[in-house]
Amino acid sequence: MSNHLFLYAVSKFRDGAGQDTARWTRVGALFPNSKGGFRVKLELVPLDPNVDLVAMPPREREDE
């Protein structure tokens, strides 16, 4: 089991069929520190000011 969380930028939009949907883009990870907080490692910086940032644990791989 991993001790980090992945950080996603979630952008909501309306697709070509008029349905509300969301695009999840992994932008980094959170790592726990010794003081009970987290260290943030960003790989991408979201430019949209209306984006939601969501931290999720890594999924277990099915082939393991």
Protein backbone atom coordinates (compact mmCIF):
# COMPACT_ATOMS: atom_id res chain seq x y z
CA MET A 1 0.00 0.00 0.00
CA SER A 2 1.27 3.43 -0.95
CA ASN A 3 1.49 6.38 1.43
CA HIS A 4 0.99 9.13 -1.17
CA LEU A 5 -2.07 10.65 -2.85
CA PHE A 6 -2.35 11.66 -6.49
CA LEU A 7 -3.52 15.22 -7.14
CA TYR A 8 -5.99 15.76 -9.99
CA ALA A 9 -7.32 18.92 -11.64
CA VAL A 10 -11.01 18.36 -12.44
CA SER A 11 -12.45 20.59 -15.16
CA LYS A 12 -16.21 20.50 -15.71
CA PHE A 13 -17.58 21.20 -19.19
CA ARG A 14 -20.42 20.42 -21.59
CA ASP A 15 -19.53 17.95 -24.35
CA GLY A 16 -20.64 18.08 -28.00
CA ALA A 17 -23.83 16.15 -27.18
CA GLY A 18 -24.78 18.73 -24.54
CA GLN A 19 -24.03 16.45 -21.58
CA ASP A 20 -22.25 17.79 -18.49
CA THR A 21 -19.02 15.91 -17.97
CA ALA A 22 -15.61 16.32 -16.32
CA ARG A 23 -12.01 15.86 -17.37
CA TRP A 24 -9.60 14.54 -14.71
CA THR A 25 -5.94 15.41 -15.30
CA ARG A 26 -3.29 14.16 -12.90
CA VAL A 27 -1.16 17.18 -12.00
CA GLY A 28 0.98 15.91 -9.14
CA ALA A 29 1.08 14.08 -5.82
CA LEU A 30 0.88 14.69 -2.08
CA PHE A 31 3.35 13.05 0.30
CA PRO A 32 2.83 13.04 4.08
CA ASN A 33 5.46 14.83 6.13
CA SER A 34 6.59 14.26 9.72
CA LYS A 35 4.43 17.12 11.10
CA GLY A 36 1.11 15.67 9.94
CA GLY A 37 0.84 17.79 6.79
CA PHE A 38 1.69 17.07 3.16
CA ARG A 39 4.45 17.97 0.74
CA VAL A 40 3.03 18.87 -2.69
CA LYS A 41 4.87 17.80 -5.85
CA LEU A 42 3.34 19.47 -8.93
CA GLU A 43 4.10 18.22 -12.42
CA LEU A 44 1.59 20.56 -14.12
CA VAL A 45 0.00 23.82 -13.02
CA PRO A 46 -3.70 24.25 -13.90
CA LEU A 47 -4.35 27.57 -15.63
CA ASP A 48 -8.14 27.55 -15.24
CA PRO A 49 -9.10 29.41 -12.03
CA ASN A 50 -12.35 27.41 -11.82
CA VAL A 51 -10.69 23.99 -11.65
CA ASP A 52 -11.21 21.75 -8.62
CA LEU A 53 -8.14 20.05 -7.13
CA VAL A 54 -8.88 16.56 -5.81
CA ALA A 55 -6.50 14.23 -3.93
CA MET A 56 -7.12 10.49 -4.42
CA PRO A 57 -5.19 7.40 -3.34
CA PRO A 58 -3.58 5.39 -6.14
CA ARG A 59 -5.74 2.59 -7.50
CA GLU A 60 -4.58 -0.96 -6.98
CA ARG A 61 -3.42 -2.49 -10.26
CA GLU A 62 -5.56 -5.37 -11.45
CA ASP A 63 -2.60 -7.34 -12.82
CA GLU A 64 -0.86 -7.58 -9.43
